[in-house]
Amino acid sequence: MPAAIAALVLFATGLLIAVETISALFGRPARIVPYDRVADFARASTWQDNAVMACAGAIGIVGMLLILIGTVSGRPRLVPLRSSDPNMIIGTPRRMLARVLGTVAAQVDGVRQARAKVRGRRVTVRAGTDLRDTAALRERVRDAVEDELAKLAPVARYTVKTKVRGAP
């Protein structure tokens, strides 16, 4: 998001400069920015003036914030999975992992439908069944999902939480 905001500000500034320059070349300056007042302020100001120091400080703070934001890593988009080659790791999107685990949960006997969500290092599986007693089914669904996770071999350890909704 900060990069998008910075890009939009730079694009708007570049567009403004282009409009001012092209209109001045054709003999009809657009004068969107009051250059006379800005030039008068620049001629009358020194580096020690409070206004100049405040502007320089504000620009420095914004620059430092952009650098800080750039160094902080964002939320990872992929889930790293181990492969048969110890020197290679495969990445899969969280949604794809959730779909795979939801499909595995839906294939358990007695499950009518199932969905999975991957948030952080937790997998939450919600399943529906026509059965009234869901305790045993909940365990089977959790075991199936944990087995599939073991086969996929994610680098991080995931906890599986299952919720099975039975018939009323």
C-alpha atoms as a PDB file:
ATOM      1  CA  MET A   1       0.000   0.000   0.000  1.00  0.00           C
ATOM      2  CA  PRO A   2       2.723   2.562   0.790  1.00  0.00           C
ATOM      3  CA  ALA A   3       4.400   1.824  -2.537  1.00  0.00           C
ATOM      4  CA  ALA A   4       1.097   2.359  -4.353  1.00  0.00           C
ATOM      5  CA  ILE A   5       0.558   5.681  -2.579  1.00  0.00           C
ATOM      6  CA  ALA A   6       4.102   6.818  -3.357  1.00  0.00           C
ATOM      7  CA  ALA A   7       3.650   5.764  -6.984  1.00  0.00           C
ATOM      8  CA  LEU A   8       0.395   7.728  -7.269  1.00  0.00           C
ATOM      9  CA  VAL A   9       1.991  10.841  -5.752  1.00  0.00           C
ATOM     10  CA  LEU A  10       4.957  10.588  -8.121  1.00  0.00           C
ATOM     11  CA  PHE A  11       2.633   9.995 -11.095  1.00  0.00           C
ATOM     12  CA  ALA A  12       0.513  13.045 -10.191  1.00  0.00           C
ATOM     13  CA  THR A  13       3.631  15.172  -9.744  1.00  0.00           C
ATOM     14  CA  GLY A  14       5.035  14.024 -13.076  1.00  0.00           C
ATOM     15  CA  LEU A  15       1.712  14.679 -14.799  1.00  0.00           C
ATOM     16  CA  LEU A  16       1.556  18.174 -13.301  1.00  0.00           C
ATOM     17  CA  ILE A  17       5.102  18.926 -14.446  1.00  0.00           C
ATOM     18  CA  ALA A  18       4.328  17.616 -17.939  1.00  0.00           C
ATOM     19  CA  VAL A  19       1.164  19.740 -18.234  1.00  0.00           C
ATOM     20  CA  GLU A  20       2.967  22.872 -17.016  1.00  0.00           C
ATOM     21  CA  THR A  21       5.950  22.296 -19.306  1.00  0.00           C
ATOM     22  CA  ILE A  22       3.968  21.487 -22.459  1.00  0.00           C
ATOM     23  CA  SER A  23       1.536  24.351 -21.937  1.00  0.00           C
ATOM     24  CA  ALA A  24       4.473  26.761 -21.406  1.00  0.00           C
ATOM     25  CA  LEU A  25       6.126  25.505 -24.628  1.00  0.00           C
ATOM     26  CA  PHE A  26       2.950  26.386 -26.567  1.00  0.00           C
ATOM     27  CA  GLY A  27       2.956  29.892 -25.102  1.00  0.00           C
ATOM     28  CA  ARG A  28      -0.044  29.415 -22.787  1.00  0.00           C
ATOM     29  CA  PRO A  29       1.229  28.374 -19.341  1.00  0.00           C
ATOM     30  CA  ALA A  30      -1.427  26.506 -17.359  1.00  0.00           C
ATOM     31  CA  ARG A  31      -0.301  28.083 -14.059  1.00  0.00           C
ATOM     32  CA  ILE A  32      -1.831  25.272 -11.974  1.00  0.00           C
ATOM     33  CA  VAL A  33       0.946  25.871  -9.459  1.00  0.00           C
ATOM     34  CA  PRO A  34       1.420  29.563  -8.505  1.00  0.00           C
ATOM     35  CA  TYR A  35       5.086  29.682  -9.526  1.00  0.00           C
ATOM     36  CA  ASP A  36       5.465  33.396  -8.843  1.00  0.00           C
ATOM     37  CA  ARG A  37       4.585  32.976  -5.155  1.00  0.00           C
ATOM     38  CA  VAL A  38       6.740  29.856  -4.858  1.00  0.00           C
ATOM     39  CA  ALA A  39       9.674  31.612  -6.534  1.00  0.00           C
ATOM     40  CA  ASP A  40       9.267  34.689  -4.309  1.00  0.00           C
ATOM     41  CA  PHE A  41       9.232  32.450  -1.214  1.00  0.00           C
ATOM     42  CA  ALA A  42      12.335  30.603  -2.413  1.00  0.00           C
ATOM     43  CA  ARG A  43      14.222  33.851  -3.107  1.00  0.00           C
ATOM     44  CA  ALA A  44      13.340  35.352   0.282  1.00  0.00           C
ATOM     45  CA  SER A  45      14.016  32.228   2.360  1.00  0.00           C
ATOM     46  CA  THR A  46      17.283  30.986   3.770  1.00  0.00           C
ATOM     47  CA  TRP A  47      18.198  27.498   4.929  1.00  0.00           C
ATOM     48  CA  GLN A  48      17.887  28.632   8.546  1.00  0.00           C
ATOM     49  CA  ASP A  49      14.240  29.782   8.237  1.00  0.00           C
ATOM     50  CA  ASN A  50      11.765  27.811  10.330  1.00  0.00           C
ATOM     51  CA  ALA A  51       9.485  27.089   7.349  1.00  0.00           C
ATOM     52  CA  VAL A  52      12.369  25.670   5.315  1.00  0.00           C
ATOM     53  CA  MET A  53      13.593  23.589   8.249  1.00  0.00           C
ATOM     54  CA  ALA A  54      10.051  22.273   8.887  1.00  0.00           C
ATOM     55  CA  CYS A  55       9.606  21.268   5.220  1.00  0.00           C
ATOM     56  CA  ALA A  56      13.013  19.578   5.161  1.00  0.00           C
ATOM     57  CA  GLY A  57      12.187  17.743   8.409  1.00  0.00           C
ATOM     58  CA  ALA A  58       8.803  16.604   7.076  1.00  0.00           C
ATOM     59  CA  ILE A  59      10.363  15.323   3.853  1.00  0.00           C
ATOM     60  CA  GLY A  60      13.061  13.530   5.874  1.00  0.00           C
ATOM     61  CA  ILE A  61      10.450  11.884   8.130  1.00  0.00           C
ATOM     62  CA  VAL A  62       8.392  10.739   5.143  1.00  0.00           C
ATOM     63  CA  GLY A  63      11.546   9.311   3.546  1.00  0.00           C
ATOM     64  CA  MET A  64      12.509   7.473   6.731  1.00  0.00           C
ATOM     65  CA  LEU A  65       8.975   6.056   7.034  1.00  0.00           C
ATOM     66  CA  LEU A  66       9.079   4.813   3.443  1.00  0.00           C
ATOM     67  CA  ILE A  67      12.445   3.150   4.083  1.00  0.00           C
ATOM     68  CA  LEU A  68      11.143   1.573   7.294  1.00  0.00           C
ATOM     69  CA  ILE A  69       8.000   0.305   5.575  1.00  0.00           C
ATOM     70  CA  GLY A  70      10.121  -1.084   2.744  1.00  0.00           C
ATOM     71  CA  THR A  71      12.326  -3.066   5.116  1.00  0.00           C
ATOM     72  CA  VAL A  72       9.464  -4.667   7.061  1.00  0.00           C
ATOM     73  CA  SER A  73       8.356  -7.834   5.354  1.00  0.00           C
ATOM     74  CA  GLY A  74       4.722  -8.248   4.462  1.00  0.00           C
ATOM     75  CA  ARG A  75       2.403 -11.169   4.913  1.00  0.00           C
ATOM     76  CA  PRO A  76       3.665 -14.197   3.007  1.00  0.00           C
ATOM     77  CA  ARG A  77       1.431 -15.141   0.118  1.00  0.00           C
ATOM     78  CA  LEU A  78       2.721 -18.684  -0.289  1.00  0.00           C
ATOM     79  CA  VAL A  79       2.965 -21.652   2.034  1.00  0.00           C
ATOM     80  CA  PRO A  80       6.405 -23.269   1.706  1.00  0.00           C
ATOM     81  CA  LEU A  81       6.308 -27.062   1.217  1.00  0.00           C
ATOM     82  CA  ARG A  82       9.263 -29.441   1.312  1.00  0.00           C
ATOM     83  CA  SER A  83      10.026 -31.514  -1.747  1.00  0.00           C
ATOM     84  CA  SER A  84      11.926 -34.747  -2.301  1.00  0.00           C
ATOM     85  CA  ASP A  85      15.002 -32.661  -3.132  1.00  0.00           C
ATOM     86  CA  PRO A  86      16.407 -31.257   0.149  1.00  0.00           C
ATOM     87  CA  ASN A  87      17.708 -28.170  -1.663  1.00  0.00           C
ATOM     88  CA  MET A  88      14.332 -27.204  -3.120  1.00  0.00           C
ATOM     89  CA  ILE A  89      11.221 -25.811  -1.460  1.00  0.00           C
ATOM     90  CA  ILE A  90       7.926 -25.409  -3.289  1.00  0.00           C
ATOM     91  CA  GLY A  91       5.458 -22.604  -2.565  1.00  0.00           C
ATOM     92  CA  THR A  92       1.697 -22.934  -2.879  1.00  0.00           C
ATOM     93  CA  PRO A  93      -0.944 -20.257  -2.308  1.00  0.00           C
ATOM     94  CA  ARG A  94      -2.881 -20.480   0.953  1.00  0.00           C
ATOM     95  CA  ARG A  95      -6.155 -20.800  -0.944  1.00  0.00           C
ATOM     96  CA  MET A  96      -4.873 -23.784  -2.896  1.00  0.00           C
ATOM     97  CA  LEU A  97      -3.735 -25.510   0.286  1.00  0.00           C
ATOM     98  CA  ALA A  98      -7.141 -24.800   1.829  1.00  0.00           C
ATOM     99  CA  ARG A  99      -8.914 -26.256  -1.229  1.00  0.00           C
ATOM    100  CA  VAL A 100      -6.816 -29.396  -1.124  1.00  0.00           C
ATOM    101  CA  LEU A 101      -7.442 -29.902   2.589  1.00  0.00           C
ATOM    102  CA  GLY A 102     -11.160 -29.165   2.158  1.00  0.00           C
ATOM    103  CA  THR A 103     -11.371 -31.749  -0.614  1.00  0.00           C
ATOM    104  CA  VAL A 104      -9.626 -34.328   1.571  1.00  0.00           C
ATOM    105  CA  ALA A 105     -12.050 -33.596   4.413  1.00  0.00           C
ATOM    106  CA  ALA A 106     -15.035 -33.904   2.059  1.00  0.00           C
ATOM    107  CA  GLN A 107     -13.891 -37.388   1.001  1.00  0.00           C
ATOM    108  CA  VAL A 108     -14.181 -38.795   4.538  1.00  0.00           C
ATOM    109  CA  ASP A 109     -17.108 -41.222   4.833  1.00  0.00           C
ATOM    110  CA  GLY A 110     -20.118 -39.492   6.350  1.00  0.00           C
ATOM    111  CA  VAL A 111     -19.131 -35.965   5.359  1.00  0.00           C
ATOM    112  CA  ARG A 112     -21.627 -34.226   3.085  1.00  0.00           C
ATOM    113  CA  GLN A 113     -19.557 -31.095   2.504  1.00  0.00           C
ATOM    114  CA  ALA A 114     -16.368 -29.565   3.850  1.00  0.00           C
ATOM    115  CA  ARG A 115     -14.356 -26.368   3.674  1.00  0.00           C
ATOM    116  CA  ALA A 116     -10.971 -25.465   5.034  1.00  0.00           C
ATOM    117  CA  LYS A 117      -9.313 -22.140   5.840  1.00  0.00           C
ATOM    118  CA  VAL A 118      -5.627 -21.546   6.386  1.00  0.00           C
ATOM    119  CA  ARG A 119      -4.896 -18.577   8.650  1.00  0.00           C
ATOM    120  CA  GLY A 120      -1.440 -18.119  10.044  1.00  0.00           C
ATOM    121  CA  ARG A 121      -0.373 -21.572  11.162  1.00  0.00           C
ATOM    122  CA  ARG A 122      -3.844 -22.901  11.809  1.00  0.00           C
ATOM    123  CA  VAL A 123      -6.078 -24.907   9.525  1.00  0.00           C
ATOM    124  CA  THR A 124      -9.782 -24.703  10.363  1.00  0.00           C
ATOM    125  CA  VAL A 125     -11.978 -27.330   8.728  1.00  0.00           C
ATOM    126  CA  ARG A 126     -15.754 -26.975   8.759  1.00  0.00           C
ATOM    127  CA  ALA A 127     -17.675 -30.043   7.699  1.00  0.00           C
ATOM    128  CA  GLY A 128     -21.331 -30.881   7.430  1.00  0.00           C
ATOM    129  CA  THR A 129     -22.895 -34.288   7.872  1.00  0.00           C
ATOM    130  CA  ASP A 130     -26.294 -35.936   8.089  1.00  0.00           C
ATOM    131  CA  LEU A 131     -25.228 -37.815  11.232  1.00  0.00           C
ATOM    132  CA  ARG A 132     -26.288 -36.716  14.716  1.00  0.00           C
ATOM    133  CA  ASP A 133     -23.241 -37.947  16.604  1.00  0.00           C
ATOM    134  CA  THR A 134     -20.304 -36.002  15.210  1.00  0.00           C
ATOM    135  CA  ALA A 135     -17.521 -36.753  17.723  1.00  0.00           C
ATOM    136  CA  ALA A 136     -16.082 -39.760  15.868  1.00  0.00           C
ATOM    137  CA  LEU A 137     -16.473 -38.030  12.503  1.00  0.00           C
ATOM    138  CA  ARG A 138     -14.655 -34.964  13.803  1.00  0.00           C
ATOM    139  CA  GLU A 139     -11.676 -37.160  14.734  1.00  0.00           C
ATOM    140  CA  ARG A 140     -11.662 -38.889  11.323  1.00  0.00           C
ATOM    141  CA  VAL A 141     -11.791 -35.565   9.508  1.00  0.00           C
ATOM    142  CA  ARG A 142      -8.946 -34.173  11.626  1.00  0.00           C
ATOM    143  CA  ASP A 143      -6.885 -37.331  11.060  1.00  0.00           C
ATOM    144  CA  ALA A 144      -7.453 -37.183   7.297  1.00  0.00           C
ATOM    145  CA  VAL A 145      -6.442 -33.525   7.126  1.00  0.00           C
ATOM    146  CA  GLU A 146      -3.379 -34.091   9.322  1.00  0.00           C
ATOM    147  CA  ASP A 147      -2.345 -37.053   7.137  1.00  0.00           C
ATOM    148  CA  GLU A 148      -2.631 -34.892   4.023  1.00  0.00           C
ATOM    149  CA  LEU A 149      -0.606 -32.152   5.700  1.00  0.00           C
ATOM    150  CA  ALA A 150       2.046 -34.729   6.557  1.00  0.00           C
ATOM    151  CA  LYS A 151       2.182 -35.802   2.885  1.00  0.00           C
ATOM    152  CA  LEU A 152       2.438 -32.197   1.682  1.00  0.00           C
ATOM    153  CA  ALA A 153       5.195 -31.545   4.270  1.00  0.00           C
ATOM    154  CA  PRO A 154       4.870 -27.830   4.967  1.00  0.00           C
ATOM    155  CA  VAL A 155       7.983 -26.201   6.400  1.00  0.00           C
ATOM    156  CA  ALA A 156       6.013 -24.746   9.328  1.00  0.00           C
ATOM    157  CA  ARG A 157       3.927 -26.823  11.695  1.00  0.00           C
ATOM    158  CA  TYR A 158       0.166 -26.357  11.330  1.00  0.00           C
ATOM    159  CA  THR A 159      -2.504 -27.126  13.910  1.00  0.00           C
ATOM    160  CA  VAL A 160      -5.792 -28.492  12.673  1.00  0.00           C
ATOM    161  CA  LYS A 161      -9.092 -27.484  14.217  1.00  0.00           C
ATOM    162  CA  THR A 162     -12.227 -29.264  13.019  1.00  0.00           C
ATOM    163  CA  LYS A 163     -15.854 -28.289  13.383  1.00  0.00           C
ATOM    164  CA  VAL A 164     -18.481 -30.752  12.266  1.00  0.00           C
ATOM    165  CA  ARG A 165     -22.111 -29.728  12.101  1.00  0.00           C
ATOM    166  CA  GLY A 166     -24.514 -32.640  12.321  1.00  0.00           C
ATOM    167  CA  ALA A 167     -28.212 -33.102  11.624  1.00  0.00           C
ATOM    168  CA  PRO A 168     -30.576 -31.546  14.180  1.00  0.00           C
END
